[in-house]
Amino acid sequence: MIRLEAIPKELRRRLPKLEAGAAIEILTYKRNRGLIITLRGDETYHVREHGYHREEFEAIGQPALIKLVARIAKREFPRSTNVRLYTHAPGEQLLISDQPSIRI
């Protein structure tokens, strides 16, 4: 768990270590909302937002990505002070599924 305002610093530390296809997942404490950042190629990132909004974005370069993530974080984590941040290897299963959950 990291503080919400530490996301940009943590991304600057983790992004250079990512390999193509790897992902960083940022989730709320309850793990029901968040975003997934996937490295597509050389400095090209795919961002998927899951929660209040379901959108997908492309960002080229680290500064553009960090600015985009800050904007999404304000929308997805309005009352959160801490978030969960996970790094996944290429092909590793993510914690947030694309399939909606079914409640009975």
PDB file of N, CA and C in Angstrom:
ATOM      1  N   MET A   1       0.848  -1.165   0.000  1.00  0.00           N
ATOM      2  CA  MET A   1       0.000   0.000   0.000  1.00  0.00           C
ATOM      3  C   MET A   1       0.902   1.239   0.000  1.00  0.00           C
ATOM      4  N   ILE A   2       0.510   2.184  -0.821  1.00  0.00           N
ATOM      5  CA  ILE A   2       1.250   3.442  -0.868  1.00  0.00           C
ATOM      6  C   ILE A   2       0.258   4.595  -0.762  1.00  0.00           C
ATOM      7  N   ARG A   3       0.746   5.740  -0.397  1.00  0.00           N
ATOM      8  CA  ARG A   3      -0.099   6.933  -0.325  1.00  0.00           C
ATOM      9  C   ARG A   3      -0.454   7.373  -1.741  1.00  0.00           C
ATOM     10  N   LEU A   4      -1.622   7.917  -1.901  1.00  0.00           N
ATOM     11  CA  LEU A   4      -2.117   8.327  -3.208  1.00  0.00           C
ATOM     12  C   LEU A   4      -1.190   9.345  -3.863  1.00  0.00           C
ATOM     13  N   GLU A   5      -0.683  10.284  -3.087  1.00  0.00           N
ATOM     14  CA  GLU A   5       0.184  11.313  -3.666  1.00  0.00           C
ATOM     15  C   GLU A   5       1.564  10.777  -4.044  1.00  0.00           C
ATOM     16  N   ALA A   6       1.900   9.554  -3.656  1.00  0.00           N
ATOM     17  CA  ALA A   6       3.199   8.958  -3.997  1.00  0.00           C
ATOM     18  C   ALA A   6       3.158   8.181  -5.311  1.00  0.00           C
ATOM     19  N   ILE A   7       2.004   8.122  -5.973  1.00  0.00           N
ATOM     20  CA  ILE A   7       1.894   7.364  -7.227  1.00  0.00           C
ATOM     21  C   ILE A   7       2.889   7.857  -8.279  1.00  0.00           C
ATOM     22  N   PRO A   8       2.991   9.170  -8.572  1.00  0.00           N
ATOM     23  CA  PRO A   8       3.954   9.601  -9.602  1.00  0.00           C
ATOM     24  C   PRO A   8       5.393   9.187  -9.292  1.00  0.00           C
ATOM     25  N   LYS A   9       5.804   9.346  -8.044  1.00  0.00           N
ATOM     26  CA  LYS A   9       7.171   8.970  -7.649  1.00  0.00           C
ATOM     27  C   LYS A   9       7.390   7.468  -7.830  1.00  0.00           C
ATOM     28  N   GLU A  10       6.405   6.676  -7.431  1.00  0.00           N
ATOM     29  CA  GLU A  10       6.523   5.220  -7.541  1.00  0.00           C
ATOM     30  C   GLU A  10       6.531   4.781  -9.006  1.00  0.00           C
ATOM     31  N   LEU A  11       5.736   5.443  -9.856  1.00  0.00           N
ATOM     32  CA  LEU A  11       5.741   5.113 -11.284  1.00  0.00           C
ATOM     33  C   LEU A  11       7.089   5.448 -11.915  1.00  0.00           C
ATOM     34  N   ARG A  12       7.670   6.596 -11.552  1.00  0.00           N
ATOM     35  CA  ARG A  12       8.988   6.953 -12.090  1.00  0.00           C
ATOM     36  C   ARG A  12      10.040   5.913 -11.710  1.00  0.00           C
ATOM     37  N   ARG A  13       9.865   5.286 -10.551  1.00  0.00           N
ATOM     38  CA  ARG A  13      10.815   4.266 -10.091  1.00  0.00           C
ATOM     39  C   ARG A  13      10.591   2.930 -10.800  1.00  0.00           C
ATOM     40  N   ARG A  14       9.323   2.549 -11.020  1.00  0.00           N
ATOM     41  CA  ARG A  14       9.019   1.220 -11.555  1.00  0.00           C
ATOM     42  C   ARG A  14       8.963   1.143 -13.080  1.00  0.00           C
ATOM     43  N   LEU A  15       8.579   2.221 -13.760  1.00  0.00           N
ATOM     44  CA  LEU A  15       8.405   2.163 -15.212  1.00  0.00           C
ATOM     45  C   LEU A  15       9.683   1.793 -15.971  1.00  0.00           C
ATOM     46  N   PRO A  16      10.858   2.333 -15.629  1.00  0.00           N
ATOM     47  CA  PRO A  16      12.060   1.953 -16.380  1.00  0.00           C
ATOM     48  C   PRO A  16      12.408   0.469 -16.278  1.00  0.00           C
ATOM     49  N   LYS A  17      11.930  -0.199 -15.237  1.00  0.00           N
ATOM     50  CA  LYS A  17      12.247  -1.613 -15.036  1.00  0.00           C
ATOM     51  C   LYS A  17      11.288  -2.547 -15.771  1.00  0.00           C
ATOM     52  N   LEU A  18      10.190  -2.007 -16.322  1.00  0.00           N
ATOM     53  CA  LEU A  18       9.198  -2.851 -16.999  1.00  0.00           C
ATOM     54  C   LEU A  18       9.727  -3.361 -18.327  1.00  0.00           C
ATOM     55  N   GLU A  19       9.322  -4.567 -18.686  1.00  0.00           N
ATOM     56  CA  GLU A  19       9.615  -5.098 -20.011  1.00  0.00           C
ATOM     57  C   GLU A  19       8.309  -5.120 -20.799  1.00  0.00           C
ATOM     58  N   ALA A  20       8.394  -5.229 -22.112  1.00  0.00           N
ATOM     59  CA  ALA A  20       7.199  -5.191 -22.963  1.00  0.00           C
ATOM     60  C   ALA A  20       6.205  -6.266 -22.534  1.00  0.00           C
ATOM     61  N   GLY A  21       4.949  -5.865 -22.388  1.00  0.00           N
ATOM     62  CA  GLY A  21       3.899  -6.787 -21.971  1.00  0.00           C
ATOM     63  C   GLY A  21       3.668  -6.819 -20.473  1.00  0.00           C
ATOM     64  N   ALA A  22       4.578  -6.252 -19.701  1.00  0.00           N
ATOM     65  CA  ALA A  22       4.414  -6.207 -18.245  1.00  0.00           C
ATOM     66  C   ALA A  22       3.394  -5.135 -17.884  1.00  0.00           C
ATOM     67  N   ALA A  23       2.831  -5.243 -16.687  1.00  0.00           N
ATOM     68  CA  ALA A  23       1.781  -4.313 -16.282  1.00  0.00           C
ATOM     69  C   ALA A  23       1.970  -3.849 -14.848  1.00  0.00           C
ATOM     70  N   ILE A  24       1.464  -2.662 -14.585  1.00  0.00           N
ATOM     71  CA  ILE A  24       1.376  -2.121 -13.231  1.00  0.00           C
ATOM     72  C   ILE A  24      -0.100  -1.912 -12.956  1.00  0.00           C
ATOM     73  N   GLU A  25      -0.550  -2.406 -11.820  1.00  0.00           N
ATOM     74  CA  GLU A  25      -1.955  -2.316 -11.454  1.00  0.00           C
ATOM     75  C   GLU A  25      -2.083  -1.448 -10.201  1.00  0.00           C
ATOM     76  N   ILE A  26      -2.942  -0.445 -10.256  1.00  0.00           N
ATOM     77  CA  ILE A  26      -3.193   0.435  -9.119  1.00  0.00           C
ATOM     78  C   ILE A  26      -4.647   0.228  -8.714  1.00  0.00           C
ATOM     79  N   LEU A  27      -4.867  -0.204  -7.472  1.00  0.00           N
ATOM     80  CA  LEU A  27      -6.207  -0.562  -7.008  1.00  0.00           C
ATOM     81  C   LEU A  27      -6.558   0.148  -5.708  1.00  0.00           C
ATOM     82  N   THR A  28      -7.862   0.262  -5.451  1.00  0.00           N
ATOM     83  CA  THR A  28      -8.327   0.774  -4.169  1.00  0.00           C
ATOM     84  C   THR A  28      -8.048  -0.270  -3.097  1.00  0.00           C
ATOM     85  N   TYR A  29      -8.249   0.110  -1.852  1.00  0.00           N
ATOM     86  CA  TYR A  29      -8.041  -0.822  -0.745  1.00  0.00           C
ATOM     87  C   TYR A  29      -8.915  -2.065  -0.902  1.00  0.00           C
ATOM     88  N   LYS A  30     -10.176  -1.882  -1.311  1.00  0.00           N
ATOM     89  CA  LYS A  30     -11.097  -3.012  -1.472  1.00  0.00           C
ATOM     90  C   LYS A  30     -10.888  -3.761  -2.791  1.00  0.00           C
ATOM     91  N   ARG A  31     -10.003  -3.264  -3.642  1.00  0.00           N
ATOM     92  CA  ARG A  31      -9.676  -3.878  -4.937  1.00  0.00           C
ATOM     93  C   ARG A  31     -10.870  -3.930  -5.891  1.00  0.00           C
ATOM     94  N   ASN A  32     -11.807  -3.013  -5.754  1.00  0.00           N
ATOM     95  CA  ASN A  32     -12.963  -3.032  -6.643  1.00  0.00           C
ATOM     96  C   ASN A  32     -12.875  -1.978  -7.749  1.00  0.00           C
ATOM     97  N   ARG A  33     -11.942  -1.036  -7.652  1.00  0.00           N
ATOM     98  CA  ARG A  33     -11.731  -0.031  -8.689  1.00  0.00           C
ATOM     99  C   ARG A  33     -10.234   0.141  -8.885  1.00  0.00           C
ATOM    100  N   GLY A  34      -9.873   0.566 -10.092  1.00  0.00           N
ATOM    101  CA  GLY A  34      -8.459   0.810 -10.311  1.00  0.00           C
ATOM    102  C   GLY A  34      -8.120   1.044 -11.759  1.00  0.00           C
ATOM    103  N   LEU A  35      -6.835   0.963 -12.045  1.00  0.00           N
ATOM    104  CA  LEU A  35      -6.367   1.114 -13.412  1.00  0.00           C
ATOM    105  C   LEU A  35      -5.170   0.213 -13.640  1.00  0.00           C
ATOM    106  N   ILE A  36      -5.005  -0.154 -14.909  1.00  0.00           N
ATOM    107  CA  ILE A  36      -3.933  -1.059 -15.312  1.00  0.00           C
ATOM    108  C   ILE A  36      -3.097  -0.352 -16.366  1.00  0.00           C
ATOM    109  N   ILE A  37      -1.793  -0.294 -16.156  1.00  0.00           N
ATOM    110  CA  ILE A  37      -0.862   0.315 -17.099  1.00  0.00           C
ATOM    111  C   ILE A  37      -0.039  -0.812 -17.703  1.00  0.00           C
ATOM    112  N   THR A  38      -0.093  -0.965 -19.023  1.00  0.00           N
ATOM    113  CA  THR A  38       0.649  -2.019 -19.710  1.00  0.00           C
ATOM    114  C   THR A  38       1.646  -1.387 -20.669  1.00  0.00           C
ATOM    115  N   LEU A  39       2.892  -1.845 -20.628  1.00  0.00           N
ATOM    116  CA  LEU A  39       3.904  -1.360 -21.564  1.00  0.00           C
ATOM    117  C   LEU A  39       3.728  -2.096 -22.875  1.00  0.00           C
ATOM    118  N   ARG A  40       3.395  -1.362 -23.947  1.00  0.00           N
ATOM    119  CA  ARG A  40       3.163  -1.969 -25.261  1.00  0.00           C
ATOM    120  C   ARG A  40       4.466  -2.148 -26.038  1.00  0.00           C
ATOM    121  N   GLY A  41       5.261  -1.144 -26.039  1.00  0.00           N
ATOM    122  CA  GLY A  41       6.507  -1.191 -26.799  1.00  0.00           C
ATOM    123  C   GLY A  41       7.444  -0.141 -26.240  1.00  0.00           C
ATOM    124  N   ASP A  42       8.224   0.440 -27.104  1.00  0.00           N
ATOM    125  CA  ASP A  42       9.191   1.440 -26.685  1.00  0.00           C
ATOM    126  C   ASP A  42       8.474   2.724 -26.269  1.00  0.00           C
ATOM    127  N   GLU A  43       8.310   2.934 -24.948  1.00  0.00           N
ATOM    128  CA  GLU A  43       7.690   4.132 -24.380  1.00  0.00           C
ATOM    129  C   GLU A  43       6.226   4.332 -24.789  1.00  0.00           C
ATOM    130  N   THR A  44       5.528   3.271 -25.166  1.00  0.00           N
ATOM    131  CA  THR A  44       4.101   3.347 -25.469  1.00  0.00           C
ATOM    132  C   THR A  44       3.358   2.559 -24.403  1.00  0.00           C
ATOM    133  N   TYR A  45       2.419   3.215 -23.749  1.00  0.00           N
ATOM    134  CA  TYR A  45       1.692   2.610 -22.638  1.00  0.00           C
ATOM    135  C   TYR A  45       0.201   2.566 -22.934  1.00  0.00           C
ATOM    136  N   HIS A  46      -0.430   1.474 -22.551  1.00  0.00           N
ATOM    137  CA  HIS A  46      -1.879   1.307 -22.665  1.00  0.00           C
ATOM    138  C   HIS A  46      -2.439   1.360 -21.247  1.00  0.00           C
ATOM    139  N   VAL A  47      -3.426   2.217 -21.025  1.00  0.00           N
ATOM    140  CA  VAL A  47      -4.007   2.394 -19.693  1.00  0.00           C
ATOM    141  C   VAL A  47      -5.482   2.022 -19.754  1.00  0.00           C
ATOM    142  N   ARG A  48      -5.899   1.083 -18.888  1.00  0.00           N
ATOM    143  CA  ARG A  48      -7.311   0.687 -18.778  1.00  0.00           C
ATOM    144  C   ARG A  48      -7.823   1.110 -17.415  1.00  0.00           C
ATOM    145  N   GLU A  49      -8.952   1.774 -17.429  1.00  0.00           N
ATOM    146  CA  GLU A  49      -9.574   2.260 -16.202  1.00  0.00           C
ATOM    147  C   GLU A  49     -10.792   1.399 -15.895  1.00  0.00           C
ATOM    148  N   HIS A  50     -10.876   0.899 -14.669  1.00  0.00           N
ATOM    149  CA  HIS A  50     -12.001   0.065 -14.221  1.00  0.00           C
ATOM    150  C   HIS A  50     -12.537   0.657 -12.930  1.00  0.00           C
ATOM    151  N   GLY A  51     -13.802   0.971 -12.902  1.00  0.00           N
ATOM    152  CA  GLY A  51     -14.380   1.522 -11.679  1.00  0.00           C
ATOM    153  C   GLY A  51     -15.564   2.386 -12.012  1.00  0.00           C
ATOM    154  N   TYR A  52     -15.505   3.651 -11.607  1.00  0.00           N
ATOM    155  CA  TYR A  52     -16.590   4.574 -11.908  1.00  0.00           C
ATOM    156  C   TYR A  52     -16.731   4.744 -13.422  1.00  0.00           C
ATOM    157  N   HIS A  53     -15.618   4.740 -14.123  1.00  0.00           N
ATOM    158  CA  HIS A  53     -15.602   4.835 -15.586  1.00  0.00           C
ATOM    159  C   HIS A  53     -14.842   3.634 -16.128  1.00  0.00           C
ATOM    160  N   ARG A  54     -15.215   3.189 -17.313  1.00  0.00           N
ATOM    161  CA  ARG A  54     -14.480   2.121 -18.002  1.00  0.00           C
ATOM    162  C   ARG A  54     -13.985   2.707 -19.316  1.00  0.00           C
ATOM    163  N   GLU A  55     -12.722   3.090 -19.330  1.00  0.00           N
ATOM    164  CA  GLU A  55     -12.147   3.704 -20.519  1.00  0.00           C
ATOM    165  C   GLU A  55     -10.756   3.143 -20.757  1.00  0.00           C
ATOM    166  N   GLU A  56     -10.275   3.337 -21.985  1.00  0.00           N
ATOM    167  CA  GLU A  56      -8.923   2.921 -22.349  1.00  0.00           C
ATOM    168  C   GLU A  56      -8.208   4.108 -22.968  1.00  0.00           C
ATOM    169  N   PHE A  57      -6.919   4.226 -22.676  1.00  0.00           N
ATOM    170  CA  PHE A  57      -6.116   5.342 -23.157  1.00  0.00           C
ATOM    171  C   PHE A  57      -4.779   4.820 -23.666  1.00  0.00           C
ATOM    172  N   GLU A  58      -4.132   5.606 -24.524  1.00  0.00           N
ATOM    173  CA  GLU A  58      -2.767   5.348 -24.968  1.00  0.00           C
ATOM    174  C   GLU A  58      -1.924   6.551 -24.564  1.00  0.00           C
ATOM    175  N   ALA A  59      -0.734   6.307 -24.079  1.00  0.00           N
ATOM    176  CA  ALA A  59       0.179   7.390 -23.703  1.00  0.00           C
ATOM    177  C   ALA A  59       1.556   7.074 -24.265  1.00  0.00           C
ATOM    178  N   ILE A  60       2.195   8.089 -24.831  1.00  0.00           N
ATOM    179  CA  ILE A  60       3.542   7.919 -25.370  1.00  0.00           C
ATOM    180  C   ILE A  60       4.488   8.731 -24.497  1.00  0.00           C
ATOM    181  N   GLY A  61       5.384   8.038 -23.839  1.00  0.00           N
ATOM    182  CA  GLY A  61       6.362   8.689 -22.975  1.00  0.00           C
ATOM    183  C   GLY A  61       5.934   8.706 -21.522  1.00  0.00           C
ATOM    184  N   GLN A  62       6.923   8.691 -20.667  1.00  0.00           N
ATOM    185  CA  GLN A  62       6.682   8.653 -19.228  1.00  0.00           C
ATOM    186  C   GLN A  62       5.985   9.906 -18.693  1.00  0.00           C
ATOM    187  N   PRO A  63       6.374  11.120 -19.103  1.00  0.00           N
ATOM    188  CA  PRO A  63       5.685  12.306 -18.569  1.00  0.00           C
ATOM    189  C   PRO A  63       4.197  12.341 -18.923  1.00  0.00           C
ATOM    190  N   ALA A  64       3.860  11.969 -20.142  1.00  0.00           N
ATOM    191  CA  ALA A  64       2.448  11.947 -20.554  1.00  0.00           C
ATOM    192  C   ALA A  64       1.674  10.901 -19.765  1.00  0.00           C
ATOM    193  N   LEU A  65       2.297   9.761 -19.509  1.00  0.00           N
ATOM    194  CA  LEU A  65       1.641   8.702 -18.746  1.00  0.00           C
ATOM    195  C   LEU A  65       1.379   9.148 -17.305  1.00  0.00           C
ATOM    196  N   ILE A  66       2.350   9.748 -16.671  1.00  0.00           N
ATOM    197  CA  ILE A  66       2.194  10.172 -15.280  1.00  0.00           C
ATOM    198  C   ILE A  66       1.105  11.236 -15.160  1.00  0.00           C
ATOM    199  N   LYS A  67       1.035  12.149 -16.124  1.00  0.00           N
ATOM    200  CA  LYS A  67      -0.014  13.169 -16.131  1.00  0.00           C
ATOM    201  C   LYS A  67      -1.389  12.525 -16.308  1.00  0.00           C
ATOM    202  N   LEU A  68      -1.489  11.540 -17.203  1.00  0.00           N
ATOM    203  CA  LEU A  68      -2.747  10.827 -17.440  1.00  0.00           C
ATOM    204  C   LEU A  68      -3.175  10.060 -16.189  1.00  0.00           C
ATOM    205  N   VAL A  69      -2.247   9.365 -15.561  1.00  0.00           N
ATOM    206  CA  VAL A  69      -2.564   8.585 -14.359  1.00  0.00           C
ATOM    207  C   VAL A  69      -3.022   9.507 -13.227  1.00  0.00           C
ATOM    208  N   ALA A  70      -2.417  10.666 -13.088  1.00  0.00           N
ATOM    209  CA  ALA A  70      -2.838  11.612 -12.046  1.00  0.00           C
ATOM    210  C   ALA A  70      -4.276  12.063 -12.282  1.00  0.00           C
ATOM    211  N   ARG A  71      -4.630  12.310 -13.540  1.00  0.00           N
ATOM    212  CA  ARG A  71      -5.994  12.728 -13.872  1.00  0.00           C
ATOM    213  C   ARG A  71      -7.000  11.616 -13.582  1.00  0.00           C
ATOM    214  N   ILE A  72      -6.649  10.383 -13.955  1.00  0.00           N
ATOM    215  CA  ILE A  72      -7.539   9.243 -13.712  1.00  0.00           C
ATOM    216  C   ILE A  72      -7.657   8.970 -12.212  1.00  0.00           C
ATOM    217  N   ALA A  73      -6.557   9.093 -11.480  1.00  0.00           N
ATOM    218  CA  ALA A  73      -6.570   8.814 -10.037  1.00  0.00           C
ATOM    219  C   ALA A  73      -7.519   9.752  -9.297  1.00  0.00           C
ATOM    220  N   LYS A  74      -7.586  11.009  -9.717  1.00  0.00           N
ATOM    221  CA  LYS A  74      -8.518  11.946  -9.079  1.00  0.00           C
ATOM    222  C   LYS A  74      -9.961  11.493  -9.262  1.00  0.00           C
ATOM    223  N   ARG A  75     -10.235  10.909 -10.422  1.00  0.00           N
ATOM    224  CA  ARG A  75     -11.596  10.472 -10.733  1.00  0.00           C
ATOM    225  C   ARG A  75     -11.923   9.131 -10.076  1.00  0.00           C
ATOM    226  N   GLU A  76     -10.990   8.193 -10.079  1.00  0.00           N
ATOM    227  CA  GLU A  76     -11.245   6.840  -9.572  1.00  0.00           C
ATOM    228  C   GLU A  76     -11.068   6.700  -8.062  1.00  0.00           C
ATOM    229  N   PHE A  77     -10.218   7.512  -7.462  1.00  0.00           N
ATOM    230  CA  PHE A  77      -9.932   7.394  -6.035  1.00  0.00           C
ATOM    231  C   PHE A  77     -10.256   8.699  -5.308  1.00  0.00           C
ATOM    232  N   PRO A  78     -11.499   9.195  -5.380  1.00  0.00           N
ATOM    233  CA  PRO A  78     -11.794  10.517  -4.810  1.00  0.00           C
ATOM    234  C   PRO A  78     -11.659  10.596  -3.292  1.00  0.00           C
ATOM    235  N   ARG A  79     -11.939   9.520  -2.583  1.00  0.00           N
ATOM    236  CA  ARG A  79     -11.880   9.550  -1.120  1.00  0.00           C
ATOM    237  C   ARG A  79     -10.747   8.697  -0.558  1.00  0.00           C
ATOM    238  N   SER A  80      -9.964   8.093  -1.404  1.00  0.00           N
ATOM    239  CA  SER A  80      -8.892   7.205  -0.943  1.00  0.00           C
ATOM    240  C   SER A  80      -7.657   8.002  -0.553  1.00  0.00           C
ATOM    241  N   THR A  81      -6.970   7.525   0.453  1.00  0.00           N
ATOM    242  CA  THR A  81      -5.683   8.107   0.822  1.00  0.00           C
ATOM    243  C   THR A  81      -4.553   7.128   0.541  1.00  0.00           C
ATOM    244  N   ASN A  82      -4.868   5.833   0.520  1.00  0.00           N
ATOM    245  CA  ASN A  82      -3.889   4.791   0.215  1.00  0.00           C
ATOM    246  C   ASN A  82      -4.416   3.930  -0.916  1.00  0.00           C
ATOM    247  N   VAL A  83      -3.513   3.444  -1.758  1.00  0.00           N
ATOM    248  CA  VAL A  83      -3.882   2.548  -2.849  1.00  0.00           C
ATOM    249  C   VAL A  83      -2.917   1.368  -2.863  1.00  0.00           C
ATOM    250  N   ARG A  84      -3.331   0.326  -3.531  1.00  0.00           N
ATOM    251  CA  ARG A  84      -2.473  -0.849  -3.702  1.00  0.00           C
ATOM    252  C   ARG A  84      -1.809  -0.744  -5.072  1.00  0.00           C
ATOM    253  N   LEU A  85      -0.527  -1.041  -5.150  1.00  0.00           N
ATOM    254  CA  LEU A  85       0.199  -0.964  -6.407  1.00  0.00           C
ATOM    255  C   LEU A  85       0.941  -2.277  -6.604  1.00  0.00           C
ATOM    256  N   TYR A  86       0.629  -2.971  -7.701  1.00  0.00           N
ATOM    257  CA  TYR A  86       1.232  -4.270  -8.003  1.00  0.00           C
ATOM    258  C   TYR A  86       1.915  -4.205  -9.358  1.00  0.00           C
ATOM    259  N   THR A  87       3.036  -4.900  -9.493  1.00  0.00           N
ATOM    260  CA  THR A  87       3.719  -5.040 -10.773  1.00  0.00           C
ATOM    261  C   THR A  87       3.575  -6.487 -11.219  1.00  0.00           C
ATOM    262  N   HIS A  88       3.162  -6.688 -12.481  1.00  0.00           N
ATOM    263  CA  HIS A  88       2.951  -8.028 -13.019  1.00  0.00           C
ATOM    264  C   HIS A  88       3.881  -8.266 -14.204  1.00  0.00           C
ATOM    265  N   ALA A  89       4.435  -9.461 -14.279  1.00  0.00           N
ATOM    266  CA  ALA A  89       5.282  -9.860 -15.398  1.00  0.00           C
ATOM    267  C   ALA A  89       4.409 -10.089 -16.634  1.00  0.00           C
ATOM    268  N   PRO A  90       5.004 -10.107 -17.839  1.00  0.00           N
ATOM    269  CA  PRO A  90       4.209 -10.368 -19.041  1.00  0.00           C
ATOM    270  C   PRO A  90       3.492 -11.712 -18.943  1.00  0.00           C
ATOM    271  N   GLY A  91       2.204 -11.716 -19.262  1.00  0.00           N
ATOM    272  CA  GLY A  91       1.419 -12.943 -19.239  1.00  0.00           C
ATOM    273  C   GLY A  91       0.856 -13.315 -17.885  1.00  0.00           C
ATOM    274  N   GLU A  92       1.259 -12.635 -16.839  1.00  0.00           N
ATOM    275  CA  GLU A  92       0.758 -12.930 -15.492  1.00  0.00           C
ATOM    276  C   GLU A  92      -0.667 -12.402 -15.354  1.00  0.00           C
ATOM    277  N   GLN A  93      -1.501 -13.148 -14.648  1.00  0.00           N
ATOM    278  CA  GLN A  93      -2.898 -12.756 -14.490  1.00  0.00           C
ATOM    279  C   GLN A  93      -3.016 -11.525 -13.595  1.00  0.00           C
ATOM    280  N   LEU A  94      -3.877 -10.599 -14.021  1.00  0.00           N
ATOM    281  CA  LEU A  94      -4.104  -9.376 -13.263  1.00  0.00           C
ATOM    282  C   LEU A  94      -5.155  -9.608 -12.191  1.00  0.00           C
ATOM    283  N   LEU A  95      -5.196  -8.738 -11.200  1.00  0.00           N
ATOM    284  CA  LEU A  95      -6.167  -8.874 -10.121  1.00  0.00           C
ATOM    285  C   LEU A  95      -7.552  -8.385 -10.530  1.00  0.00           C
ATOM    286  N   ILE A  96      -7.623  -7.370 -11.393  1.00  0.00           N
ATOM    287  CA  ILE A  96      -8.914  -6.880 -11.890  1.00  0.00           C
ATOM    288  C   ILE A  96      -9.222  -7.630 -13.172  1.00  0.00           C
ATOM    289  N   SER A  97     -10.401  -8.210 -13.229  1.00  0.00           N
ATOM    290  CA  SER A  97     -10.825  -8.965 -14.401  1.00  0.00           C
ATOM    291  C   SER A  97     -11.627  -8.061 -15.328  1.00  0.00           C
ATOM    292  N   ASP A  98     -11.607  -8.352 -16.626  1.00  0.00           N
ATOM    293  CA  ASP A  98     -12.428  -7.616 -17.584  1.00  0.00           C
ATOM    294  C   ASP A  98     -13.882  -8.042 -17.505  1.00  0.00           C
ATOM    295  N   GLN A  99     -14.126  -9.208 -16.915  1.00  0.00           N
ATOM    296  CA  GLN A  99     -15.487  -9.725 -16.810  1.00  0.00           C
ATOM    297  C   GLN A  99     -16.188  -9.112 -15.602  1.00  0.00           C
ATOM    298  N   PRO A 100     -17.429  -8.655 -15.778  1.00  0.00           N
ATOM    299  CA  PRO A 100     -18.154  -8.122 -14.619  1.00  0.00           C
ATOM    300  C   PRO A 100     -18.474  -9.232 -13.632  1.00  0.00           C
ATOM    301  N   SER A 101     -18.462  -8.904 -12.356  1.00  0.00           N
ATOM    302  CA  SER A 101     -18.778  -9.914 -11.349  1.00  0.00           C
ATOM    303  C   SER A 101     -20.285 -10.105 -11.277  1.00  0.00           C
ATOM    304  N   ILE A 102     -20.690 -11.319 -10.979  1.00  0.00           N
ATOM    305  CA  ILE A 102     -22.107 -11.655 -10.874  1.00  0.00           C
ATOM    306  C   ILE A 102     -22.414 -11.886  -9.407  1.00  0.00           C
ATOM    307  N   ARG A 103     -23.381 -11.163  -8.895  1.00  0.00           N
ATOM    308  CA  ARG A 103     -23.765 -11.314  -7.493  1.00  0.00           C
ATOM    309  C   ARG A 103     -25.153 -11.912  -7.424  1.00  0.00           C
ATOM    310  N   ILE A 104     -25.307 -12.888  -6.581  1.00  0.00           N
ATOM    311  CA  ILE A 104     -26.601 -13.574  -6.436  1.00  0.00           C
ATOM    312  C   ILE A 104     -27.172 -13.277  -5.070  1.00  0.00           C
TER     313      ILE A 104
END
